[in-house]
């Protein structure tokens, strides 16, 4: 795939064998059926999440997990996944479960309600992606419209539960999820904060052109068999984008870099920077300088676009960070991501930014 799964396996929880306790209830306001289920932690109490599965009127299954199922009013933080068909808290062959960056926010569960989303199109709970790759059903939902509809359905359900009633509401996401969250925030006025990691910019068109001209990145948008000549690679890139444009309104199963053409027409052409002009959400952007999946040149163009359009934001740049913000001397440990999540949660709760870690642009702020 052109963009690897963001928020991959960082933490492994020894929580024993899966079992569930299902208490189904009908949600007449949306003609959907919701089933709430628990995940027993037979060997560890470190797993605070309970699951909910919504079966929509057209038969799709959507899942999310919450750290607090009570009616207590709390600020809400939703973690939206990037690409890939691993289920949330997927099960490894040894029976342990995985946890993404939400694990770094567990220290805040007394103050906030954490909700972890799963990508639409994943049929089984706790699905662990195998080498065979994602299913055709999943790939058909890997586009902007399907992902926005899934996110809207879940947010509507959270509102129905009383979890979004004027409380601050932040979305945390990375990679492909940045385009989804940015577009969602243009119409969802209840989103008050966005923490966007490794994927902000003016769009993947820039990233593919940059890769063609410089050879930078883990990109397969242009086949590897193409001559290693910048002009030839650039022409092949243009040819692929022409095909994407021509396929509008047509059923196509052709795959480019692991994604169907519908993905490239929607998510691939989305500009999170442009979308941010239609949202008033407070914005925290993070980028690694050595990211080969979402290159820094796209981020640079994106924040320059915000400056040119007078759009405030806070940002952190980690020169040695890859797509997961890991630096070469980190020995694979996601220390930078942990720091980002913790600082982002503090920013969300207190409106304070650690000035030694981040830069900010806010031309309307009062001079000190």
Protein backbone atom coordinates (compact mmCIF):
# COMPACT_ATOMS: atom_id res chain seq x y z
CA UNK A 1 0.00 0.00 0.00
CA UNK A 2 1.10 3.53 -0.61
CA UNK A 3 0.46 4.46 2.99
CA UNK A 4 1.08 1.96 5.71
CA UNK A 5 -1.27 1.57 8.61
CA UNK A 6 -0.76 4.43 11.00
CA UNK A 7 -1.05 3.67 14.68
CA UNK A 8 0.33 0.17 14.22
CA UNK A 9 1.10 -2.26 17.02
CA UNK A 10 2.84 -0.31 19.76
CA UNK A 11 1.51 -1.92 22.92
CA UNK A 12 0.61 -5.55 23.51
CA UNK A 13 -1.81 -6.28 26.32
CA UNK A 14 -1.78 -9.72 27.99
CA UNK A 15 -5.53 -9.81 28.54
CA UNK A 16 -6.26 -13.47 27.99
CA UNK A 17 -8.83 -15.27 25.88
CA UNK A 18 -11.67 -13.34 24.30
CA UNK A 19 -15.25 -13.79 25.41
CA UNK A 20 -18.19 -11.42 25.17
CA UNK A 21 -21.34 -10.43 26.95
CA UNK A 22 -23.77 -8.91 24.48
CA UNK A 23 -26.63 -6.63 25.48
CA UNK A 24 -28.36 -5.53 22.28
CA UNK A 25 -30.63 -2.52 22.11
CA UNK A 26 -32.46 -0.95 19.19
CA UNK A 27 -31.74 2.65 18.27
CA UNK A 28 -34.95 3.79 16.57
CA UNK A 29 -33.65 7.29 15.93
CA UNK A 30 -31.30 5.96 13.27
CA UNK A 31 -32.95 2.65 12.33
CA UNK A 32 -29.75 0.96 13.45
CA UNK A 33 -29.14 -1.85 15.90
CA UNK A 34 -26.42 -1.46 18.52
CA UNK A 35 -24.85 -4.29 20.52
CA UNK A 36 -22.67 -3.43 23.51
CA UNK A 37 -20.11 -6.05 24.48
CA UNK A 38 -17.42 -6.50 27.10
CA UNK A 39 -13.91 -7.88 26.76
CA UNK A 40 -12.96 -9.76 29.95
CA UNK A 41 -9.42 -9.19 31.15
CA UNK A 42 -8.64 -12.55 32.70
CA UNK A 43 -4.94 -11.93 33.22
CA UNK A 44 -4.70 -8.15 33.42
CA UNK A 45 -6.81 -5.20 34.55
CA UNK A 46 -5.05 -2.87 32.12
CA UNK A 47 -7.82 -2.98 29.50
CA UNK A 48 -10.50 -0.38 30.32
CA UNK A 49 -12.50 -0.45 27.09
CA UNK A 50 -15.94 -1.84 26.33
CA UNK A 51 -17.13 -2.30 22.76
CA UNK A 52 -20.19 -1.29 20.77
CA UNK A 53 -21.19 -2.66 17.37
CA UNK A 54 -23.72 -0.86 15.20
CA UNK A 55 -25.46 -2.78 12.43
CA UNK A 56 -26.69 -0.16 10.00
CA UNK A 57 -29.90 -0.35 8.00
CA UNK A 58 -27.88 -1.42 4.93
CA UNK A 59 -26.19 -4.25 6.83
CA UNK A 60 -22.76 -2.75 7.53
CA UNK A 61 -21.10 -3.34 10.91
CA UNK A 62 -19.40 -0.40 12.60
CA UNK A 63 -17.51 -0.70 15.89
CA UNK A 64 -16.14 1.59 18.55
CA UNK A 65 -14.73 1.10 22.02
CA UNK A 66 -15.20 3.42 25.01
CA UNK A 67 -13.23 3.81 28.22
CA UNK A 68 -16.39 4.92 30.07
CA UNK A 69 -19.88 3.61 29.34
CA UNK A 70 -21.56 5.70 32.04
CA UNK A 71 -23.79 8.75 31.56
CA UNK A 72 -21.19 10.95 33.26
CA UNK A 73 -20.44 14.17 31.36
CA UNK A 74 -16.83 14.28 30.23
CA UNK A 75 -14.82 15.84 27.43
CA UNK A 76 -14.61 13.34 24.54
CA UNK A 77 -11.54 12.20 22.60
CA UNK A 78 -12.05 9.99 19.54
CA UNK A 79 -9.13 8.06 18.02
CA UNK A 80 -9.73 7.55 14.28
CA UNK A 81 -7.55 4.91 12.53
CA UNK A 82 -5.50 5.41 9.42
CA UNK A 83 -5.46 2.87 6.60
CA UNK A 84 -5.46 -0.89 6.99
CA UNK A 85 -7.93 -3.60 7.95
CA UNK A 86 -6.64 -4.59 11.38
CA UNK A 87 -9.46 -4.49 13.88
CA UNK A 88 -9.15 -2.38 17.00
CA UNK A 89 -7.39 -4.35 19.76
CA UNK A 90 -6.69 -7.13 17.28
CA UNK A 91 -5.77 -10.58 18.57
CA UNK A 92 -2.25 -11.90 18.01
CA UNK A 93 -1.53 -15.62 17.52
CA UNK A 94 -0.41 -15.89 21.18
CA UNK A 95 -3.80 -14.61 22.38
CA UNK A 96 -2.60 -11.18 23.41
CA UNK A 97 -4.23 -8.03 22.07
CA UNK A 98 -2.72 -4.95 20.49
CA UNK A 99 -3.26 -1.35 21.45
CA UNK A 100 -2.47 1.79 19.47
CA UNK A 101 -1.68 5.34 20.61
CA UNK A 102 -4.80 5.42 22.77
CA UNK A 103 -2.65 3.49 25.25
CA UNK A 104 -0.66 6.66 25.85
CA UNK A 105 -3.88 8.49 26.81
CA UNK A 106 -4.99 6.01 29.49
CA UNK A 107 -3.61 8.25 32.25
CA UNK A 108 -6.31 10.80 31.32
CA UNK A 109 -9.36 8.50 31.58
CA UNK A 110 -10.54 10.09 34.83
CA UNK A 111 -10.80 13.43 33.03
CA UNK A 112 -11.90 12.40 29.53
CA UNK A 113 -13.86 9.67 27.78
CA UNK A 114 -11.73 7.89 25.18
CA UNK A 115 -13.46 6.35 22.17
CA UNK A 116 -11.52 4.14 19.73
CA UNK A 117 -12.98 3.67 16.24
CA UNK A 118 -12.50 0.78 13.86
CA UNK A 119 -12.41 1.21 10.10
CA UNK A 120 -15.62 0.27 8.26
CA UNK A 121 -15.60 -2.95 6.24
CA UNK A 122 -13.92 -5.13 8.89
CA UNK A 123 -16.31 -8.04 9.33
CA UNK A 124 -15.02 -9.72 12.48
CA UNK A 125 -14.25 -8.18 15.84
CA UNK A 126 -10.53 -8.00 16.71
CA UNK A 127 -9.57 -8.97 13.14
CA UNK A 128 -5.82 -9.32 12.64
CA UNK A 129 -4.72 -8.58 9.08
CA UNK A 130 -2.82 -11.44 7.48
CA UNK A 131 -0.37 -11.46 4.58
CA UNK A 132 -3.24 -12.02 2.14
CA UNK A 133 -4.26 -8.41 2.68
CA UNK A 134 -7.58 -6.66 3.05
CA UNK A 135 -10.84 -8.09 1.76
CA UNK A 136 -12.69 -6.80 -1.28
CA UNK A 137 -15.54 -5.70 1.01
CA UNK A 138 -13.09 -3.60 3.01
CA UNK A 139 -11.51 -2.10 -0.09
CA UNK A 140 -14.92 -1.03 -1.40
CA UNK A 141 -15.37 1.05 1.75
CA UNK A 142 -11.87 2.56 1.63
CA UNK A 143 -13.03 5.88 0.21
CA UNK A 144 -13.98 9.27 1.59
CA UNK A 145 -17.76 8.87 1.39
CA UNK A 146 -17.90 5.48 3.16
CA UNK A 147 -15.50 6.53 5.89
CA UNK A 148 -17.30 9.82 6.51
CA UNK A 149 -20.67 8.07 6.67
CA UNK A 150 -19.26 5.55 9.18
CA UNK A 151 -17.77 8.31 11.32
CA UNK A 152 -21.01 10.30 11.21
CA UNK A 153 -23.06 7.26 12.22
CA UNK A 154 -20.85 6.61 15.22
CA UNK A 155 -20.78 10.27 16.29
CA UNK A 156 -24.58 10.36 16.02
CA UNK A 157 -24.71 7.32 18.30
CA UNK A 158 -22.38 9.00 20.80
CA UNK A 159 -24.64 12.06 20.78
CA UNK A 160 -27.66 9.86 21.37
CA UNK A 161 -25.88 8.43 24.41
CA UNK A 162 -25.39 11.94 25.75
CA UNK A 163 -21.63 11.88 25.36
CA UNK A 164 -21.48 14.99 23.12
CA UNK A 165 -23.56 17.64 24.86
CA UNK A 166 -21.60 20.84 24.61
CA UNK A 167 -18.49 19.14 26.01
CA UNK A 168 -15.13 19.68 24.28
CA UNK A 169 -14.63 17.06 21.55
CA UNK A 170 -11.24 16.20 20.01
CA UNK A 171 -10.35 13.83 17.17
CA UNK A 172 -6.87 12.26 17.20
CA UNK A 173 -5.69 10.59 14.02
CA UNK A 174 -2.81 10.10 11.63
CA UNK A 175 -1.89 9.18 8.06
CA UNK A 176 -5.01 8.52 5.95
CA UNK A 177 -7.20 9.42 8.93
CA UNK A 178 -6.04 13.05 8.69
CA UNK A 179 -7.98 13.53 5.45
CA UNK A 180 -11.07 11.89 6.96
CA UNK A 181 -11.03 13.93 10.19
CA UNK A 182 -10.30 17.19 8.36
CA UNK A 183 -13.20 16.71 5.96
CA UNK A 184 -15.51 15.62 8.79
CA UNK A 185 -14.67 18.75 10.80
CA UNK A 186 -15.86 20.99 7.95
CA UNK A 187 -19.47 20.07 8.72
CA UNK A 188 -19.29 18.74 12.30
CA UNK A 189 -19.27 21.96 14.29
CA UNK A 190 -19.11 20.05 17.59
CA UNK A 191 -15.49 19.07 16.85
CA UNK A 192 -13.56 21.57 18.96
CA UNK A 193 -9.99 20.19 18.61
CA UNK A 194 -7.99 18.19 16.05
CA UNK A 195 -4.66 16.45 16.73
CA UNK A 196 -3.40 15.42 13.27
CA UNK A 197 -0.23 13.34 12.97
CA UNK A 198 1.84 12.36 9.92
CA UNK A 199 -0.49 13.22 7.07
CA UNK A 200 -1.43 16.90 7.01
CA UNK A 201 -0.89 18.84 3.80
CA UNK A 202 -2.37 19.90 0.48
CA UNK A 203 -2.87 16.33 -0.74
CA UNK A 204 -1.32 13.14 -2.03
CA UNK A 205 -1.01 14.54 -5.52
CA UNK A 206 1.93 16.58 -4.26
CA UNK A 207 3.42 13.55 -2.53
CA UNK A 208 3.30 11.46 -5.72
CA UNK A 209 4.84 14.20 -7.84
CA UNK A 210 7.55 14.74 -5.22
CA UNK A 211 8.31 11.02 -5.22
CA UNK A 212 8.51 10.93 -9.01
CA UNK A 213 10.98 13.81 -9.15
CA UNK A 214 13.13 12.93 -6.15
CA UNK A 215 12.70 9.19 -5.57
CA UNK A 216 11.76 9.96 -1.97
CA UNK A 217 9.39 7.72 -0.06
CA UNK A 218 8.02 4.19 0.17
CA UNK A 219 5.89 4.86 -2.88
CA UNK A 220 4.52 2.42 -5.43
CA UNK A 221 2.22 4.86 -7.24
CA UNK A 222 4.62 4.42 -10.16
CA UNK A 223 5.52 0.75 -10.82
CA UNK A 224 9.01 -0.24 -9.75
CA UNK A 225 9.67 -1.50 -13.28
CA UNK A 226 9.59 2.06 -14.59
CA UNK A 227 12.97 3.47 -15.67
CA UNK A 228 14.72 5.40 -12.92
CA UNK A 229 14.42 8.62 -14.87
CA UNK A 230 12.64 11.61 -13.36
CA UNK A 231 10.79 12.62 -16.53
CA UNK A 232 9.59 9.06 -17.22
CA UNK A 233 8.47 8.64 -13.62
CA UNK A 234 6.69 11.99 -13.73
CA UNK A 235 4.86 11.01 -16.93
CA UNK A 236 3.83 7.67 -15.38
CA UNK A 237 2.52 9.56 -12.36
CA UNK A 238 0.49 11.88 -14.58
CA UNK A 239 -0.83 8.87 -16.52
CA UNK A 240 -2.07 7.22 -13.34
CA UNK A 241 -3.79 10.40 -12.19
CA UNK A 242 -5.39 10.74 -15.65
CA UNK A 243 -6.78 7.23 -15.24
CA UNK A 244 -8.14 8.13 -11.82
CA UNK A 245 -9.95 11.16 -13.29
CA UNK A 246 -11.33 9.15 -16.21
CA UNK A 247 -12.75 6.48 -13.92
CA UNK A 248 -15.17 8.92 -12.27
CA UNK A 249 -18.66 7.41 -12.27
CA UNK A 250 -17.39 4.04 -13.48
CA UNK A 251 -17.14 0.73 -11.65
CA UNK A 252 -13.47 -0.19 -11.60
CA UNK A 253 -11.50 -2.89 -9.82
CA UNK A 254 -8.14 -1.61 -10.98
CA UNK A 255 -5.70 -1.17 -8.11
CA UNK A 256 -3.04 1.53 -7.94
CA UNK A 257 -0.50 1.17 -5.13
CA UNK A 258 -2.81 -1.14 -3.18
CA UNK A 259 -5.87 1.11 -3.39
CA UNK A 260 -8.86 1.18 -5.74
CA UNK A 261 -9.35 4.19 -7.98
CA UNK A 262 -12.23 5.40 -5.77
CA UNK A 263 -9.69 5.86 -2.98
CA UNK A 264 -7.51 8.10 -5.14
CA UNK A 265 -10.46 10.14 -6.42
CA UNK A 266 -11.56 10.91 -2.88
CA UNK A 267 -8.99 10.50 -0.13
CA UNK A 268 -6.05 10.79 -2.54
CA UNK A 269 -7.19 14.14 -3.88
CA UNK A 270 -8.38 15.59 -0.57
CA UNK A 271 -6.58 18.62 0.83
CA UNK A 272 -6.66 18.69 4.62
CA UNK A 273 -5.15 22.17 4.53
CA UNK A 274 -7.98 23.48 2.38
CA UNK A 275 -10.59 21.70 4.50
CA UNK A 276 -9.25 23.41 7.61
CA UNK A 277 -10.37 26.78 6.27
CA UNK A 278 -13.98 25.59 6.68
CA UNK A 279 -13.51 24.42 10.27
CA UNK A 280 -13.10 26.45 13.44
CA UNK A 281 -11.60 23.53 15.39
CA UNK A 282 -8.38 24.27 17.21
CA UNK A 283 -5.57 22.59 15.33
CA UNK A 284 -2.44 20.71 16.47
CA UNK A 285 -0.28 19.37 13.62
CA UNK A 286 2.64 16.95 13.92
CA UNK A 287 5.17 15.82 11.31
CA UNK A 288 8.35 13.77 11.13
CA UNK A 289 11.09 15.00 8.83
CA UNK A 290 12.05 11.50 7.62
CA UNK A 291 8.50 10.33 6.96
CA UNK A 292 8.53 8.39 3.69
CA UNK A 293 4.79 7.66 3.68
CA UNK A 294 3.49 11.19 4.22
CA UNK A 295 6.48 13.32 3.19
CA UNK A 296 7.37 16.50 5.02
CA UNK A 297 7.15 18.54 1.79
CA UNK A 298 3.37 18.07 1.85
CA UNK A 299 3.21 19.20 5.48
CA UNK A 300 5.38 22.23 4.65
CA UNK A 301 3.05 23.22 1.82
CA UNK A 302 0.05 22.65 4.10
CA UNK A 303 1.17 24.88 6.94
CA UNK A 304 2.31 27.55 4.46
CA UNK A 305 -1.21 27.43 3.03
CA UNK A 306 -2.67 27.98 6.51
CA UNK A 307 -0.35 30.94 7.12
CA UNK A 308 -1.33 32.48 3.79
CA UNK A 309 -5.00 32.15 4.72
CA UNK A 310 -4.65 33.44 8.27
CA UNK A 311 -5.66 30.09 9.86
CA UNK A 312 -4.28 29.59 13.42
CA UNK A 313 -2.58 26.34 14.39
CA UNK A 314 -0.03 24.74 16.71
CA UNK A 315 2.61 22.42 15.31
CA UNK A 316 5.46 20.10 16.25
CA UNK A 317 8.15 19.01 13.81
CA UNK A 318 10.46 16.10 14.61
CA UNK A 319 13.35 16.22 12.10
CA UNK A 320 14.50 12.63 12.66
CA UNK A 321 10.98 11.14 12.92
CA UNK A 322 9.53 8.62 10.48
CA UNK A 323 5.84 7.99 9.77
CA UNK A 324 5.41 6.80 13.35
CA UNK A 325 7.62 9.64 14.65
CA UNK A 326 10.32 7.10 15.55
CA UNK A 327 13.92 8.34 15.20
CA UNK A 328 16.87 6.12 14.27
CA UNK A 329 18.26 6.20 17.83
CA UNK A 330 14.91 5.28 19.42
CA UNK A 331 15.44 1.54 18.77
CA UNK A 332 11.90 1.26 17.47
CA UNK A 333 10.31 2.71 20.61
CA UNK A 334 7.47 5.22 19.94
CA UNK A 335 8.75 7.71 22.51
CA UNK A 336 7.93 10.72 20.37
CA UNK A 337 4.41 9.52 19.71
CA UNK A 338 3.86 9.03 23.43
CA UNK A 339 5.01 12.57 24.09
CA UNK A 340 2.77 13.93 21.33
CA UNK A 341 -0.31 12.16 22.69
CA UNK A 342 0.37 13.33 26.23
CA UNK A 343 1.07 16.94 25.22
CA UNK A 344 -1.93 16.91 22.88
CA UNK A 345 -4.21 15.73 25.68
CA UNK A 346 -2.90 18.46 28.00
CA UNK A 347 -3.45 21.04 25.25
CA UNK A 348 -7.01 19.79 24.81
CA UNK A 349 -7.77 19.92 28.54
CA UNK A 350 -5.91 23.08 29.56
CA UNK A 351 -5.45 25.13 26.34
CA UNK A 352 -1.74 25.32 27.20
CA UNK A 353 1.04 24.46 24.76
CA UNK A 354 4.51 23.43 25.84
CA UNK A 355 6.34 26.21 24.06
CA UNK A 356 9.68 24.38 24.09
CA UNK A 357 8.13 21.57 21.99
CA UNK A 358 5.81 23.40 19.61
CA UNK A 359 5.51 26.47 17.42
CA UNK A 360 2.25 28.31 16.87
CA UNK A 361 0.67 30.70 14.39
CA UNK A 362 -2.15 32.95 15.59
CA UNK A 363 -2.11 36.45 14.09
CA UNK A 364 -5.18 37.52 16.07
CA UNK A 365 -3.65 36.67 19.45
CA UNK A 366 -2.93 39.57 21.82
CA UNK A 367 0.74 40.41 22.04
CA UNK A 368 2.27 39.74 25.46
